Amino acid sequence: MIIEAFGDQILIEPISKKQILVGDTGTLCEYGKVVSVGPDVKSVKIGDTIGHTVWGVNHLEIDGKKYYFVREDTRFILGKIRMS
């Protein structure tokens, strides 16, 4: 099955549990692998690992596997994770 993201949506496959980012807000963060991006997405591509908030995501489950749809917006996408 292929799931295609539209507009500024990013489809993420979660790869780790919630983390708390230390700072003024103590934001909850999850990490995931980008599996699809809409045509309006500019900052990430398929295969990237990103950190995103746990709020503002739409949940999707197919055959017992969880995915999230997140808008390409700095309120939701916290950054790319690069392995050096």
PDB file of N, CA and C in Angstrom:
ATOM      1  N   MET A   1       0.837  -1.170   0.000  1.00  0.00           N
ATOM      2  CA  MET A   1       0.000   0.000   0.000  1.00  0.00           C
ATOM      3  C   MET A   1       0.889   1.244   0.000  1.00  0.00           C
ATOM      4  N   ILE A   2       0.516   2.213  -0.813  1.00  0.00           N
ATOM      5  CA  ILE A   2       1.231   3.484  -0.879  1.00  0.00           C
ATOM      6  C   ILE A   2       0.311   4.567  -0.339  1.00  0.00           C
ATOM      7  N   ILE A   3       0.820   5.355   0.586  1.00  0.00           N
ATOM      8  CA  ILE A   3       0.073   6.472   1.143  1.00  0.00           C
ATOM      9  C   ILE A   3       0.746   7.736   0.644  1.00  0.00           C
ATOM     10  N   GLU A   4      -0.016   8.584  -0.010  1.00  0.00           N
ATOM     11  CA  GLU A   4       0.533   9.805  -0.587  1.00  0.00           C
ATOM     12  C   GLU A   4       0.062  11.022   0.208  1.00  0.00           C
ATOM     13  N   ALA A   5       1.010  11.842   0.641  1.00  0.00           N
ATOM     14  CA  ALA A   5       0.682  13.076   1.359  1.00  0.00           C
ATOM     15  C   ALA A   5       0.318  14.169   0.353  1.00  0.00           C
ATOM     16  N   PHE A   6      -0.598  15.060   0.738  1.00  0.00           N
ATOM     17  CA  PHE A   6      -1.024  16.172  -0.102  1.00  0.00           C
ATOM     18  C   PHE A   6      -0.568  17.494   0.499  1.00  0.00           C
ATOM     19  N   GLY A   7      -0.497  18.522  -0.345  1.00  0.00           N
ATOM     20  CA  GLY A   7      -0.229  19.879   0.126  1.00  0.00           C
ATOM     21  C   GLY A   7       1.045  19.990   0.930  1.00  0.00           C
ATOM     22  N   ASP A   8       0.921  20.550   2.157  1.00  0.00           N
ATOM     23  CA  ASP A   8       2.092  20.733   3.018  1.00  0.00           C
ATOM     24  C   ASP A   8       2.173  19.658   4.095  1.00  0.00           C
ATOM     25  N   GLN A   9       1.566  18.500   3.830  1.00  0.00           N
ATOM     26  CA  GLN A   9       1.555  17.410   4.801  1.00  0.00           C
ATOM     27  C   GLN A   9       2.784  16.510   4.662  1.00  0.00           C
ATOM     28  N   ILE A  10       3.231  15.987   5.803  1.00  0.00           N
ATOM     29  CA  ILE A  10       4.353  15.057   5.864  1.00  0.00           C
ATOM     30  C   ILE A  10       3.852  13.799   6.560  1.00  0.00           C
ATOM     31  N   LEU A  11       4.061  12.650   5.960  1.00  0.00           N
ATOM     32  CA  LEU A  11       3.683  11.381   6.572  1.00  0.00           C
ATOM     33  C   LEU A  11       4.908  10.800   7.261  1.00  0.00           C
ATOM     34  N   ILE A  12       4.755  10.500   8.557  1.00  0.00           N
ATOM     35  CA  ILE A  12       5.869  10.054   9.393  1.00  0.00           C
ATOM     36  C   ILE A  12       5.584   8.679   9.960  1.00  0.00           C
ATOM     37  N   GLU A  13       6.591   7.818   9.942  1.00  0.00           N
ATOM     38  CA  GLU A  13       6.544   6.542  10.644  1.00  0.00           C
ATOM     39  C   GLU A  13       7.323   6.727  11.946  1.00  0.00           C
ATOM     40  N   PRO A  14       6.650   6.611  13.108  1.00  0.00           N
ATOM     41  CA  PRO A  14       7.349   6.831  14.376  1.00  0.00           C
ATOM     42  C   PRO A  14       8.470   5.815  14.590  1.00  0.00           C
ATOM     43  N   ILE A  15       9.599   6.304  15.152  1.00  0.00           N
ATOM     44  CA  ILE A  15      10.715   5.389  15.416  1.00  0.00           C
ATOM     45  C   ILE A  15      11.192   5.423  16.859  1.00  0.00           C
ATOM     46  N   SER A  16      10.632   6.307  17.679  1.00  0.00           N
ATOM     47  CA  SER A  16      11.013   6.300  19.083  1.00  0.00           C
ATOM     48  C   SER A  16       9.894   6.863  19.942  1.00  0.00           C
ATOM     49  N   LYS A  17      10.033   6.655  21.237  1.00  0.00           N
ATOM     50  CA  LYS A  17       9.028   7.127  22.174  1.00  0.00           C
ATOM     51  C   LYS A  17       9.205   8.599  22.472  1.00  0.00           C
ATOM     52  N   LYS A  18       8.251   9.148  23.194  1.00  0.00           N
ATOM     53  CA  LYS A  18       8.263  10.569  23.535  1.00  0.00           C
ATOM     54  C   LYS A  18       9.503  10.945  24.333  1.00  0.00           C
ATOM     55  N   GLN A  19      10.042  12.098  24.017  1.00  0.00           N
ATOM     56  CA  GLN A  19      11.165  12.684  24.729  1.00  0.00           C
ATOM     57  C   GLN A  19      10.733  14.068  25.193  1.00  0.00           C
ATOM     58  N   ILE A  20      11.306  14.547  26.251  1.00  0.00           N
ATOM     59  CA  ILE A  20      11.025  15.909  26.702  1.00  0.00           C
ATOM     60  C   ILE A  20      12.219  16.779  26.352  1.00  0.00           C
ATOM     61  N   LEU A  21      11.953  17.839  25.592  1.00  0.00           N
ATOM     62  CA  LEU A  21      12.999  18.793  25.271  1.00  0.00           C
ATOM     63  C   LEU A  21      13.117  19.766  26.430  1.00  0.00           C
ATOM     64  N   VAL A  22      14.282  19.861  26.979  1.00  0.00           N
ATOM     65  CA  VAL A  22      14.496  20.752  28.112  1.00  0.00           C
ATOM     66  C   VAL A  22      14.529  22.188  27.589  1.00  0.00           C
ATOM     67  N   GLY A  23      13.813  23.033  28.243  1.00  0.00           N
ATOM     68  CA  GLY A  23      13.754  24.440  27.852  1.00  0.00           C
ATOM     69  C   GLY A  23      12.630  25.115  28.603  1.00  0.00           C
ATOM     70  N   ASP A  24      12.275  26.273  28.130  1.00  0.00           N
ATOM     71  CA  ASP A  24      11.233  27.047  28.790  1.00  0.00           C
ATOM     72  C   ASP A  24       9.892  26.324  28.819  1.00  0.00           C
ATOM     73  N   THR A  25       9.580  25.590  27.751  1.00  0.00           N
ATOM     74  CA  THR A  25       8.261  24.981  27.648  1.00  0.00           C
ATOM     75  C   THR A  25       8.234  23.509  28.008  1.00  0.00           C
ATOM     76  N   GLY A  26       9.373  22.823  28.012  1.00  0.00           N
ATOM     77  CA  GLY A  26       9.384  21.384  28.264  1.00  0.00           C
ATOM     78  C   GLY A  26       8.572  20.631  27.220  1.00  0.00           C
ATOM     79  N   THR A  27       8.717  20.993  25.957  1.00  0.00           N
ATOM     80  CA  THR A  27       7.953  20.425  24.856  1.00  0.00           C
ATOM     81  C   THR A  27       8.180  18.924  24.727  1.00  0.00           C
ATOM     82  N   LEU A  28       7.077  18.187  24.524  1.00  0.00           N
ATOM     83  CA  LEU A  28       7.189  16.763  24.229  1.00  0.00           C
ATOM     84  C   LEU A  28       7.537  16.601  22.753  1.00  0.00           C
ATOM     85  N   CYS A  29       8.427  15.673  22.468  1.00  0.00           N
ATOM     86  CA  CYS A  29       8.931  15.472  21.114  1.00  0.00           C
ATOM     87  C   CYS A  29       8.952  13.986  20.795  1.00  0.00           C
ATOM     88  N   GLU A  30       8.653  13.631  19.557  1.00  0.00           N
ATOM     89  CA  GLU A  30       8.835  12.276  19.058  1.00  0.00           C
ATOM     90  C   GLU A  30       9.714  12.351  17.821  1.00  0.00           C
ATOM     91  N   TYR A  31      10.320  11.228  17.482  1.00  0.00           N
ATOM     92  CA  TYR A  31      11.151  11.139  16.290  1.00  0.00           C
ATOM     93  C   TYR A  31      10.501  10.183  15.318  1.00  0.00           C
ATOM     94  N   GLY A  32      10.671  10.472  14.033  1.00  0.00           N
ATOM     95  CA  GLY A  32      10.087   9.606  13.032  1.00  0.00           C
ATOM     96  C   GLY A  32      10.805   9.716  11.708  1.00  0.00           C
ATOM     97  N   LYS A  33      10.551   8.715  10.873  1.00  0.00           N
ATOM     98  CA  LYS A  33      11.125   8.675   9.529  1.00  0.00           C
ATOM     99  C   LYS A  33      10.069   9.175   8.549  1.00  0.00           C
ATOM    100  N   VAL A  34      10.461  10.088   7.683  1.00  0.00           N
ATOM    101  CA  VAL A  34       9.557  10.635   6.679  1.00  0.00           C
ATOM    102  C   VAL A  34       9.348   9.589   5.583  1.00  0.00           C
ATOM    103  N   VAL A  35       8.076   9.213   5.349  1.00  0.00           N
ATOM    104  CA  VAL A  35       7.782   8.203   4.332  1.00  0.00           C
ATOM    105  C   VAL A  35       7.044   8.769   3.118  1.00  0.00           C
ATOM    106  N   SER A  36       6.495   9.982   3.248  1.00  0.00           N
ATOM    107  CA  SER A  36       5.834  10.634   2.118  1.00  0.00           C
ATOM    108  C   SER A  36       5.760  12.126   2.413  1.00  0.00           C
ATOM    109  N   VAL A  37       5.883  12.941   1.375  1.00  0.00           N
ATOM    110  CA  VAL A  37       5.746  14.387   1.533  1.00  0.00           C
ATOM    111  C   VAL A  37       4.822  14.922   0.447  1.00  0.00           C
ATOM    112  N   GLY A  38       4.037  15.940   0.810  1.00  0.00           N
ATOM    113  CA  GLY A  38       3.178  16.600  -0.166  1.00  0.00           C
ATOM    114  C   GLY A  38       3.993  17.474  -1.099  1.00  0.00           C
ATOM    115  N   PRO A  39       3.407  17.883  -2.218  1.00  0.00           N
ATOM    116  CA  PRO A  39       4.150  18.669  -3.209  1.00  0.00           C
ATOM    117  C   PRO A  39       4.569  20.058  -2.735  1.00  0.00           C
ATOM    118  N   ASP A  40       3.946  20.570  -1.668  1.00  0.00           N
ATOM    119  CA  ASP A  40       4.295  21.900  -1.165  1.00  0.00           C
ATOM    120  C   ASP A  40       5.360  21.872  -0.072  1.00  0.00           C
ATOM    121  N   VAL A  41       5.833  20.691   0.308  1.00  0.00           N
ATOM    122  CA  VAL A  41       6.839  20.562   1.369  1.00  0.00           C
ATOM    123  C   VAL A  41       8.211  20.917   0.810  1.00  0.00           C
ATOM    124  N   LYS A  42       8.919  21.789   1.525  1.00  0.00           N
ATOM    125  CA  LYS A  42      10.220  22.286   1.042  1.00  0.00           C
ATOM    126  C   LYS A  42      11.412  21.845   1.886  1.00  0.00           C
ATOM    127  N   SER A  43      11.219  21.590   3.193  1.00  0.00           N
ATOM    128  CA  SER A  43      12.374  21.438   4.081  1.00  0.00           C
ATOM    129  C   SER A  43      12.772  20.001   4.405  1.00  0.00           C
ATOM    130  N   VAL A  44      11.935  19.029   4.094  1.00  0.00           N
ATOM    131  CA  VAL A  44      12.292  17.632   4.356  1.00  0.00           C
ATOM    132  C   VAL A  44      11.988  16.785   3.128  1.00  0.00           C
ATOM    133  N   LYS A  45      12.623  15.616   3.091  1.00  0.00           N
ATOM    134  CA  LYS A  45      12.378  14.696   1.975  1.00  0.00           C
ATOM    135  C   LYS A  45      12.187  13.287   2.522  1.00  0.00           C
ATOM    136  N   ILE A  46      11.702  12.415   1.693  1.00  0.00           N
ATOM    137  CA  ILE A  46      11.503  11.019   2.076  1.00  0.00           C
ATOM    138  C   ILE A  46      12.837  10.444   2.548  1.00  0.00           C
ATOM    139  N   GLY A  47      12.790   9.739   3.675  1.00  0.00           N
ATOM    140  CA  GLY A  47      13.994   9.147   4.247  1.00  0.00           C
ATOM    141  C   GLY A  47      14.605   9.954   5.374  1.00  0.00           C
ATOM    142  N   ASP A  48      14.273  11.250   5.473  1.00  0.00           N
ATOM    143  CA  ASP A  48      14.787  12.079   6.564  1.00  0.00           C
ATOM    144  C   ASP A  48      14.225  11.592   7.895  1.00  0.00           C
ATOM    145  N   THR A  49      14.981  11.797   8.966  1.00  0.00           N
ATOM    146  CA  THR A  49      14.500  11.574  10.329  1.00  0.00           C
ATOM    147  C   THR A  49      14.269  12.946  10.935  1.00  0.00           C
ATOM    148  N   ILE A  50      13.074  13.134  11.503  1.00  0.00           N
ATOM    149  CA  ILE A  50      12.731  14.441  12.058  1.00  0.00           C
ATOM    150  C   ILE A  50      12.218  14.305  13.484  1.00  0.00           C
ATOM    151  N   GLY A  51      12.330  15.400  14.209  1.00  0.00           N
ATOM    152  CA  GLY A  51      11.702  15.523  15.519  1.00  0.00           C
ATOM    153  C   GLY A  51      10.454  16.363  15.355  1.00  0.00           C
ATOM    154  N   HIS A  52       9.345  15.924  15.952  1.00  0.00           N
ATOM    155  CA  HIS A  52       8.091  16.656  15.827  1.00  0.00           C
ATOM    156  C   HIS A  52       7.360  16.668  17.166  1.00  0.00           C
ATOM    157  N   THR A  53       6.475  17.627  17.323  1.00  0.00           N
ATOM    158  CA  THR A  53       5.684  17.697  18.541  1.00  0.00           C
ATOM    159  C   THR A  53       4.700  16.536  18.576  1.00  0.00           C
ATOM    160  N   VAL A  54       4.173  16.243  19.750  1.00  0.00           N
ATOM    161  CA  VAL A  54       3.174  15.172  19.863  1.00  0.00           C
ATOM    162  C   VAL A  54       1.764  15.716  19.704  1.00  0.00           C
ATOM    163  N   TRP A  55       1.604  17.021  19.780  1.00  0.00           N
ATOM    164  CA  TRP A  55       0.300  17.621  19.529  1.00  0.00           C
ATOM    165  C   TRP A  55       0.278  18.152  18.100  1.00  0.00           C
ATOM    166  N   GLY A  56      -0.890  18.274  17.526  1.00  0.00           N
ATOM    167  CA  GLY A  56      -1.008  18.790  16.168  1.00  0.00           C
ATOM    168  C   GLY A  56      -0.767  17.752  15.093  1.00  0.00           C
ATOM    169  N   VAL A  57      -0.724  16.470  15.470  1.00  0.00           N
ATOM    170  CA  VAL A  57      -0.535  15.415  14.482  1.00  0.00           C
ATOM    171  C   VAL A  57      -1.847  14.654  14.301  1.00  0.00           C
ATOM    172  N   ASN A  58      -2.052  14.147  13.111  1.00  0.00           N
ATOM    173  CA  ASN A  58      -3.188  13.284  12.829  1.00  0.00           C
ATOM    174  C   ASN A  58      -2.682  11.854  12.788  1.00  0.00           C
ATOM    175  N   HIS A  59      -3.320  10.988  13.532  1.00  0.00           N
ATOM    176  CA  HIS A  59      -2.899   9.595  13.642  1.00  0.00           C
ATOM    177  C   HIS A  59      -3.567   8.753  12.565  1.00  0.00           C
ATOM    178  N   LEU A  60      -2.824   7.795  12.058  1.00  0.00           N
ATOM    179  CA  LEU A  60      -3.316   6.859  11.058  1.00  0.00           C
ATOM    180  C   LEU A  60      -2.757   5.492  11.400  1.00  0.00           C
ATOM    181  N   GLU A  61      -3.579   4.462  11.368  1.00  0.00           N
ATOM    182  CA  GLU A  61      -3.100   3.110  11.620  1.00  0.00           C
ATOM    183  C   GLU A  61      -3.586   2.201  10.501  1.00  0.00           C
ATOM    184  N   ILE A  62      -2.641   1.508   9.883  1.00  0.00           N
ATOM    185  CA  ILE A  62      -2.949   0.580   8.795  1.00  0.00           C
ATOM    186  C   ILE A  62      -2.312  -0.755   9.118  1.00  0.00           C
ATOM    187  N   ASP A  63      -3.125  -1.788   9.176  1.00  0.00           N
ATOM    188  CA  ASP A  63      -2.646  -3.148   9.485  1.00  0.00           C
ATOM    189  C   ASP A  63      -1.791  -3.168  10.750  1.00  0.00           C
ATOM    190  N   GLY A  64      -2.213  -2.431  11.771  1.00  0.00           N
ATOM    191  CA  GLY A  64      -1.511  -2.415  13.047  1.00  0.00           C
ATOM    192  C   GLY A  64      -0.268  -1.550  13.098  1.00  0.00           C
ATOM    193  N   LYS A  65       0.065  -0.876  12.005  1.00  0.00           N
ATOM    194  CA  LYS A  65       1.247  -0.020  11.960  1.00  0.00           C
ATOM    195  C   LYS A  65       0.811   1.445  12.045  1.00  0.00           C
ATOM    196  N   LYS A  66       1.451   2.204  12.945  1.00  0.00           N
ATOM    197  CA  LYS A  66       1.075   3.596  13.173  1.00  0.00           C
ATOM    198  C   LYS A  66       1.857   4.551  12.280  1.00  0.00           C
ATOM    199  N   TYR A  67       1.170   5.596  11.858  1.00  0.00           N
ATOM    200  CA  TYR A  67       1.756   6.687  11.087  1.00  0.00           C
ATOM    201  C   TYR A  67       1.168   7.987  11.615  1.00  0.00           C
ATOM    202  N   TYR A  68       1.860   9.099  11.321  1.00  0.00           N
ATOM    203  CA  TYR A  68       1.357  10.416  11.665  1.00  0.00           C
ATOM    204  C   TYR A  68       1.415  11.312  10.439  1.00  0.00           C
ATOM    205  N   PHE A  69       0.393  12.144  10.275  1.00  0.00           N
ATOM    206  CA  PHE A  69       0.425  13.233   9.308  1.00  0.00           C
ATOM    207  C   PHE A  69       0.693  14.511  10.084  1.00  0.00           C
ATOM    208  N   VAL A  70       1.688  15.283   9.650  1.00  0.00           N
ATOM    209  CA  VAL A  70       2.071  16.531  10.294  1.00  0.00           C
ATOM    210  C   VAL A  70       2.237  17.577   9.204  1.00  0.00           C
ATOM    211  N   ARG A  71       1.785  18.799   9.477  1.00  0.00           N
ATOM    212  CA  ARG A  71       1.998  19.889   8.533  1.00  0.00           C
ATOM    213  C   ARG A  71       3.438  20.372   8.600  1.00  0.00           C
ATOM    214  N   GLU A  72       3.953  20.819   7.470  1.00  0.00           N
ATOM    215  CA  GLU A  72       5.291  21.422   7.455  1.00  0.00           C
ATOM    216  C   GLU A  72       5.167  22.829   8.039  1.00  0.00           C
ATOM    217  N   ASP A  73       5.408  22.909   9.326  1.00  0.00           N
ATOM    218  CA  ASP A  73       5.204  24.144  10.072  1.00  0.00           C
ATOM    219  C   ASP A  73       6.117  24.073  11.298  1.00  0.00           C
ATOM    220  N   THR A  74       6.767  25.157  11.640  1.00  0.00           N
ATOM    221  CA  THR A  74       7.707  25.132  12.765  1.00  0.00           C
ATOM    222  C   THR A  74       7.021  24.925  14.107  1.00  0.00           C
ATOM    223  N   ARG A  75       5.700  25.033  14.162  1.00  0.00           N
ATOM    224  CA  ARG A  75       4.994  24.698  15.404  1.00  0.00           C
ATOM    225  C   ARG A  75       4.958  23.189  15.610  1.00  0.00           C
ATOM    226  N   PHE A  76       5.087  22.408  14.546  1.00  0.00           N
ATOM    227  CA  PHE A  76       4.976  20.956  14.615  1.00  0.00           C
ATOM    228  C   PHE A  76       6.300  20.243  14.347  1.00  0.00           C
ATOM    229  N   ILE A  77       7.041  20.706  13.359  1.00  0.00           N
ATOM    230  CA  ILE A  77       8.325  20.094  13.014  1.00  0.00           C
ATOM    231  C   ILE A  77       9.414  20.860  13.753  1.00  0.00           C
ATOM    232  N   LEU A  78      10.138  20.153  14.614  1.00  0.00           N
ATOM    233  CA  LEU A  78      11.156  20.807  15.444  1.00  0.00           C
ATOM    234  C   LEU A  78      12.530  20.800  14.793  1.00  0.00           C
ATOM    235  N   GLY A  79      12.775  19.857  13.883  1.00  0.00           N
ATOM    236  CA  GLY A  79      14.053  19.826  13.196  1.00  0.00           C
ATOM    237  C   GLY A  79      14.376  18.475  12.613  1.00  0.00           C
ATOM    238  N   LYS A  80      15.413  18.442  11.773  1.00  0.00           N
ATOM    239  CA  LYS A  80      15.915  17.203  11.183  1.00  0.00           C
ATOM    240  C   LYS A  80      16.984  16.619  12.100  1.00  0.00           C
ATOM    241  N   ILE A  81      17.044  15.310  12.145  1.00  0.00           N
ATOM    242  CA  ILE A  81      18.083  14.606  12.897  1.00  0.00           C
ATOM    243  C   ILE A  81      19.093  14.112  11.864  1.00  0.00           C
ATOM    244  N   ARG A  82      20.336  14.532  12.011  1.00  0.00           N
ATOM    245  CA  ARG A  82      21.397  14.092  11.089  1.00  0.00           C
ATOM    246  C   ARG A  82      22.394  13.251  11.863  1.00  0.00           C
ATOM    247  N   MET A  83      22.701  12.103  11.353  1.00  0.00           N
ATOM    248  CA  MET A  83      23.715  11.236  11.952  1.00  0.00           C
ATOM    249  C   MET A  83      25.058  11.592  11.352  1.00  0.00           C
ATOM    250  N   SER A  84      26.028  11.917  12.199  1.00  0.00           N
ATOM    251  CA  SER A  84      27.344  12.319  11.652  1.00  0.00           C
ATOM    252  C   SER A  84      28.365  11.242  11.907  1.00  0.00           C
TER     253      SER A  84
END
